[in-house]
Each structure stands twice: as structure tokens, then as C-alpha cells.
C-alpha atoms as a PDB file:
ATOM      1  CA  MET A   1       0.000   0.000   0.000  1.00  0.00           C
ATOM      2  CA  SER A   2       1.398   3.372  -0.924  1.00  0.00           C
ATOM      3  CA  ALA A   3       1.382   6.457   1.283  1.00  0.00           C
ATOM      4  CA  VAL A   4      -2.077   7.499   0.069  1.00  0.00           C
ATOM      5  CA  GLY A   5      -3.871   4.196   0.492  1.00  0.00           C
ATOM      6  CA  VAL A   6      -3.686   2.893  -3.078  1.00  0.00           C
ATOM      7  CA  VAL A   7      -2.684  -0.742  -3.361  1.00  0.00           C
ATOM      8  CA  THR A   8       0.191  -1.049  -5.819  1.00  0.00           C
ATOM      9  CA  THR A   9       2.431  -3.818  -6.972  1.00  0.00           C
ATOM     10  CA  PRO A  10       6.077  -3.487  -8.004  1.00  0.00           C
ATOM     11  CA  THR A  11       5.105  -4.110 -11.659  1.00  0.00           C
ATOM     12  CA  GLN A  12       2.274  -1.567 -11.695  1.00  0.00           C
ATOM     13  CA  LYS A  13       3.596   1.522 -13.474  1.00  0.00           C
ATOM     14  CA  GLY A  14       1.317   4.389 -14.425  1.00  0.00           C
ATOM     15  CA  PRO A  15       2.055   6.917 -17.112  1.00  0.00           C
ATOM     16  CA  ARG A  16       4.278   9.180 -15.027  1.00  0.00           C
ATOM     17  CA  ALA A  17       4.308  12.024 -17.557  1.00  0.00           C
ATOM     18  CA  LEU A  18       0.509  12.238 -17.555  1.00  0.00           C
ATOM     19  CA  THR A  19       0.466  12.142 -13.754  1.00  0.00           C
ATOM     20  CA  LEU A  20       3.007  14.981 -13.676  1.00  0.00           C
ATOM     21  CA  VAL A  21       0.922  17.060 -16.099  1.00  0.00           C
ATOM     22  CA  ARG A  22      -2.199  16.496 -13.973  1.00  0.00           C
ATOM     23  CA  TYR A  23      -0.221  17.342 -10.806  1.00  0.00           C
ATOM     24  CA  LEU A  24       1.005  20.604 -12.318  1.00  0.00           C
ATOM     25  CA  ALA A  25      -2.490  21.482 -13.585  1.00  0.00           C
ATOM     26  CA  VAL A  26      -4.039  20.904 -10.160  1.00  0.00           C
ATOM     27  CA  GLY A  27      -1.154  22.803  -8.591  1.00  0.00           C
ATOM     28  CA  ALA A  28      -1.689  25.764 -10.924  1.00  0.00           C
ATOM     29  CA  CYS A  29      -5.421  25.836 -10.171  1.00  0.00           C
ATOM     30  CA  ASN A  30      -4.713  25.529  -6.453  1.00  0.00           C
ATOM     31  CA  THR A  31      -2.131  28.315  -6.568  1.00  0.00           C
ATOM     32  CA  ILE A  32      -4.634  30.669  -8.200  1.00  0.00           C
ATOM     33  CA  PHE A  33      -7.379  29.578  -5.805  1.00  0.00           C
ATOM     34  CA  GLY A  34      -5.134  29.857  -2.744  1.00  0.00           C
ATOM     35  CA  TYR A  35      -3.727  33.264  -3.631  1.00  0.00           C
ATOM     36  CA  GLY A  36      -7.221  34.486  -4.486  1.00  0.00           C
ATOM     37  CA  CYS A  37      -8.402  33.381  -1.027  1.00  0.00           C
ATOM     38  CA  TYR A  38      -5.377  35.080   0.566  1.00  0.00           C
ATOM     39  CA  ALA A  39      -6.026  38.345  -1.282  1.00  0.00           C
ATOM     40  CA  LEU A  40      -9.741  38.278  -0.438  1.00  0.00           C
ATOM     41  CA  PHE A  41      -9.167  37.471   3.237  1.00  0.00           C
ATOM     42  CA  THR A  42      -6.416  40.118   3.442  1.00  0.00           C
ATOM     43  CA  LEU A  43      -8.793  42.678   1.961  1.00  0.00           C
ATOM     44  CA  LEU A  44     -11.526  41.728   4.450  1.00  0.00           C
ATOM     45  CA  LEU A  45      -9.403  41.270   7.588  1.00  0.00           C
ATOM     46  CA  SER A  46      -6.734  43.988   7.316  1.00  0.00           C
ATOM     47  CA  PRO A  47      -9.141  46.808   8.241  1.00  0.00           C
ATOM     48  CA  ILE A  48     -10.162  44.832  11.349  1.00  0.00           C
ATOM     49  CA  PHE A  49      -6.816  43.447  12.606  1.00  0.00           C
ATOM     50  CA  SER A  50      -3.311  44.952  12.666  1.00  0.00           C
ATOM     51  CA  TYR A  51      -1.843  41.786  11.187  1.00  0.00           C
ATOM     52  CA  GLY A  52      -4.941  40.737   9.257  1.00  0.00           C
ATOM     53  CA  TYR A  53      -2.786  39.352   6.477  1.00  0.00           C
ATOM     54  CA  VAL A  54      -1.389  36.713   8.879  1.00  0.00           C
ATOM     55  CA  LEU A  55      -4.876  35.450   9.753  1.00  0.00           C
ATOM     56  CA  ALA A  56      -5.722  35.691   6.050  1.00  0.00           C
ATOM     57  CA  SER A  57      -2.752  33.447   5.286  1.00  0.00           C
ATOM     58  CA  LEU A  58      -3.868  30.816   7.789  1.00  0.00           C
ATOM     59  CA  LEU A  59      -7.451  30.779   6.515  1.00  0.00           C
ATOM     60  CA  ALA A  60      -6.400  30.753   2.863  1.00  0.00           C
ATOM     61  CA  ASN A  61      -4.032  27.852   3.532  1.00  0.00           C
ATOM     62  CA  LEU A  62      -6.776  25.748   5.104  1.00  0.00           C
ATOM     63  CA  PHE A  63      -9.096  26.388   2.165  1.00  0.00           C
ATOM     64  CA  SER A  64      -6.416  25.749  -0.456  1.00  0.00           C
ATOM     65  CA  ILE A  65      -5.128  22.585   1.250  1.00  0.00           C
ATOM     66  CA  THR A  66      -8.602  21.096   1.103  1.00  0.00           C
ATOM     67  CA  PHE A  67      -9.051  22.258  -2.494  1.00  0.00           C
ATOM     68  CA  ALA A  68      -5.698  20.708  -3.464  1.00  0.00           C
ATOM     69  CA  PHE A  69      -6.496  17.473  -1.636  1.00  0.00           C
ATOM     70  CA  PHE A  70      -9.625  16.898  -3.718  1.00  0.00           C
ATOM     71  CA  GLY A  71      -7.752  17.747  -6.918  1.00  0.00           C
ATOM     72  CA  TYR A  72      -4.929  15.330  -6.121  1.00  0.00           C
ATOM     73  CA  LYS A  73      -7.308  12.599  -4.966  1.00  0.00           C
ATOM     74  CA  TRP A  74      -9.808  12.795  -7.825  1.00  0.00           C
ATOM     75  CA  PHE A  75      -7.723  13.909 -10.809  1.00  0.00           C
ATOM     76  CA  VAL A  76      -4.055  13.161 -10.183  1.00  0.00           C
ATOM     77  CA  PHE A  77      -3.683  10.019  -8.103  1.00  0.00           C
ATOM     78  CA  LYS A  78      -7.312   8.822  -8.333  1.00  0.00           C
ATOM     79  CA  THR A  79      -7.262   7.072  -4.984  1.00  0.00           C
ATOM     80  CA  LYS A  80     -10.256   5.283  -3.527  1.00  0.00           C
ATOM     81  CA  GLY A  81      -9.062   5.282   0.084  1.00  0.00           C
ATOM     82  CA  ASN A  82     -10.420   6.819   3.236  1.00  0.00           C
ATOM     83  CA  TYR A  83     -11.015  10.532   2.722  1.00  0.00           C
ATOM     84  CA  LEU A  84     -10.260  11.541   6.300  1.00  0.00           C
ATOM     85  CA  LYS A  85      -6.969   9.609   6.555  1.00  0.00           C
ATOM     86  CA  GLU A  86      -5.768  10.906   3.204  1.00  0.00           C
ATOM     87  CA  TRP A  87      -6.803  14.469   4.015  1.00  0.00           C
ATOM     88  CA  ILE A  88      -4.884  14.274   7.308  1.00  0.00           C
ATOM     89  CA  ARG A  89      -1.769  13.116   5.405  1.00  0.00           C
ATOM     90  CA  CYS A  90      -2.190  15.970   2.974  1.00  0.00           C
ATOM     91  CA  VAL A  91      -2.596  18.438   5.838  1.00  0.00           C
ATOM     92  CA  GLY A  92       0.538  16.948   7.402  1.00  0.00           C
ATOM     93  CA  VAL A  93       2.594  17.785   4.328  1.00  0.00           C
ATOM     94  CA  TYR A  94       1.186  21.276   4.063  1.00  0.00           C
ATOM     95  CA  ALA A  95       1.279  22.026   7.816  1.00  0.00           C
ATOM     96  CA  SER A  96       5.016  22.643   7.991  1.00  0.00           C
ATOM     97  CA  SER A  97       4.855  24.747   4.842  1.00  0.00           C
ATOM     98  CA  MET A  98       1.947  26.721   6.275  1.00  0.00           C
ATOM     99  CA  ILE A  99       3.746  27.351   9.571  1.00  0.00           C
ATOM    100  CA  LEU A 100       6.942  28.457   7.842  1.00  0.00           C
ATOM    101  CA  SER A 101       5.028  30.673   5.411  1.00  0.00           C
ATOM    102  CA  THR A 102       2.993  32.301   8.151  1.00  0.00           C
ATOM    103  CA  ALA A 103       6.086  32.914  10.259  1.00  0.00           C
ATOM    104  CA  ALA A 104       8.005  34.382   7.307  1.00  0.00           C
ATOM    105  CA  LEU A 105       5.198  36.640   6.122  1.00  0.00           C
ATOM    106  CA  PRO A 106       5.626  39.501   8.653  1.00  0.00           C
ATOM    107  CA  PHE A 107       9.380  39.587   7.976  1.00  0.00           C
ATOM    108  CA  VAL A 108       8.918  39.679   4.198  1.00  0.00           C
ATOM    109  CA  VAL A 109       6.210  42.356   4.514  1.00  0.00           C
ATOM    110  CA  GLY A 110       8.573  44.392   6.722  1.00  0.00           C
ATOM    111  CA  ILE A 111      11.431  44.072   4.251  1.00  0.00           C
ATOM    112  CA  ILE A 112       9.231  45.110   1.338  1.00  0.00           C
ATOM    113  CA  ARG A 113       7.851  48.085   3.267  1.00  0.00           C
ATOM    114  CA  HIS A 114      11.349  49.142   4.368  1.00  0.00           C
ATOM    115  CA  GLN A 115      13.042  48.689   0.988  1.00  0.00           C
ATOM    116  CA  THR A 116      10.263  49.996  -1.288  1.00  0.00           C
ATOM    117  CA  SER A 117       7.415  52.491  -1.348  1.00  0.00           C
ATOM    118  CA  TYR A 118       4.818  49.714  -1.661  1.00  0.00           C
ATOM    119  CA  ASN A 119       3.408  50.080   1.860  1.00  0.00           C
ATOM    120  CA  HIS A 120      -0.199  49.267   0.996  1.00  0.00           C
ATOM    121  CA  SER A 121       0.562  46.411  -1.396  1.00  0.00           C
ATOM    122  CA  ALA A 122       3.415  44.893   0.643  1.00  0.00           C
ATOM    123  CA  PRO A 123       1.248  42.072   2.093  1.00  0.00           C
ATOM    124  CA  TYR A 124       0.147  41.067  -1.412  1.00  0.00           C
ATOM    125  CA  ILE A 125       3.691  41.084  -2.809  1.00  0.00           C
ATOM    126  CA  ALA A 126       4.982  39.211   0.244  1.00  0.00           C
ATOM    127  CA  GLY A 127       2.168  36.665  -0.114  1.00  0.00           C
ATOM    128  CA  ALA A 128       3.243  35.968  -3.697  1.00  0.00           C
ATOM    129  CA  ILE A 129       6.909  35.581  -2.705  1.00  0.00           C
ATOM    130  CA  VAL A 130       6.104  33.248   0.176  1.00  0.00           C
ATOM    131  CA  LEU A 131       3.714  31.330  -2.096  1.00  0.00           C
ATOM    132  CA  VAL A 132       6.513  30.437  -4.529  1.00  0.00           C
ATOM    133  CA  ILE A 133       8.643  29.064  -1.709  1.00  0.00           C
ATOM    134  CA  SER A 134       5.653  27.144  -0.343  1.00  0.00           C
ATOM    135  CA  VAL A 135       4.895  25.554  -3.735  1.00  0.00           C
ATOM    136  CA  VAL A 136       8.428  24.173  -4.036  1.00  0.00           C
ATOM    137  CA  PHE A 137       8.444  22.930  -0.443  1.00  0.00           C
ATOM    138  CA  SER A 138       5.023  21.261  -0.847  1.00  0.00           C
ATOM    139  CA  PHE A 139       5.991  19.548  -4.091  1.00  0.00           C
ATOM    140  CA  PHE A 140       8.861  17.737  -2.419  1.00  0.00           C
ATOM    141  CA  GLY A 141       6.690  16.948   0.592  1.00  0.00           C
ATOM    142  CA  HIS A 142       4.015  15.333  -1.575  1.00  0.00           C
ATOM    143  CA  ARG A 143       6.605  13.567  -3.674  1.00  0.00           C
ATOM    144  CA  HIS A 144       8.341  11.995  -0.684  1.00  0.00           C
ATOM    145  CA  ILE A 145       5.493  11.674   1.836  1.00  0.00           C
ATOM    146  CA  SER A 146       1.888  12.054   0.650  1.00  0.00           C
ATOM    147  CA  PHE A 147       2.119  10.367  -2.710  1.00  0.00           C
ATOM    148  CA  ALA A 148       5.446   8.532  -2.515  1.00  0.00           C
ATOM    149  CA  ASP A 149       5.684   6.008  -5.320  1.00  0.00           C
ATOM    150  CA  GLY A 150       6.455   2.470  -4.209  1.00  0.00           C
ATOM    151  CA  GLN A 151       7.442   3.342  -0.660  1.00  0.00           C
ATOM    152  CA  GLN A 152       5.873   1.231   2.028  1.00  0.00           C
ATOM    153  CA  THR A 153       5.283   2.096   5.625  1.00  0.00           C
ATOM    154  CA  PRO A 154       6.157  -0.527   8.247  1.00  0.00           C
ATOM    155  CA  GLN A 155       2.439  -1.125   8.875  1.00  0.00           C
ATOM    156  CA  SER A 156       1.621  -1.697   5.193  1.00  0.00           C
ATOM    157  CA  ALA A 157       4.538  -4.089   4.703  1.00  0.00           C
ATOM    158  CA  ARG A 158       2.953  -6.643   7.038  1.00  0.00           C
END
């Protein structure tokens, strides 16, 4: 059993190029969706909270993780396993990325505000910068943890 609950055999090989194309397509849609959520939540929360963009980042991440999970499950890896267990694994991969992104955001916003005249748009620019780093980090996390090809956990090897 692979990391996402799909039973595989050593001889079962899927068309990796097609899987990669689907992964990138879902990732592109999720990136647009996630950044759109971040921008919307930042717009709504910044007038209410001093660091509204931080709360916006957390909320947007939760929405986009769930959105990505369904895309990966239904269109990329097409698993039939337990939704809750697979979603928890997906959240596990994204959690460290989300924590690092959220922690980095105030520093990046501060740097942009200090180095440029983009005071009002600094949270949006910083969100885009942090997003790129998060995408790369998440790709390797999914590749080696969530959807690892052919790797077996000690429990599934029994």
C-alpha cells in the first residue's frame, strides 16, 4: 500500500508524464485559488486586525489545502481510500509549509515596506513571494510523503 492508500504492486507503473501534467495542472489551479483566497481574506481582515494578512494566510491555507487534496485525490492520483486519513496526510505535508510561510510573512512584509514604497501592497507582494517558496516545499513533501511512489510504511509491509 502506498502512502495514500492505493494498493500497488512493483510491476504496476502508471504513465508518469501524464500524472506529472495532472499534478502541475491541479497545482496551478490551487495556486490561483489559494492566492485568491489570501487576497480576499487580506482585503476583508486587514481593516479589522493589525496583522490581518497573517490570519488571512492561515485561513487561505486551510481552504487551499482542502481544495488541493480533492484535486490530487480525484484527478491526479485517483485514490479510492479513506477521505479523512488521506486528508490528514495531505494536511501533514502542508502544515510545515503553512507554519513556515505564516512565520516568514511579517518579515517579508517588513522588508518590502522598508526597501520599497509599496506600503499598501506589501502584504500582497509578500504573499506571492512566500507562495513560490511554499509551492516548491510542498511539491517535495508530496513527492516523498503524501504520494510517494512504491514506498511502504512498516504497517503496510505486514
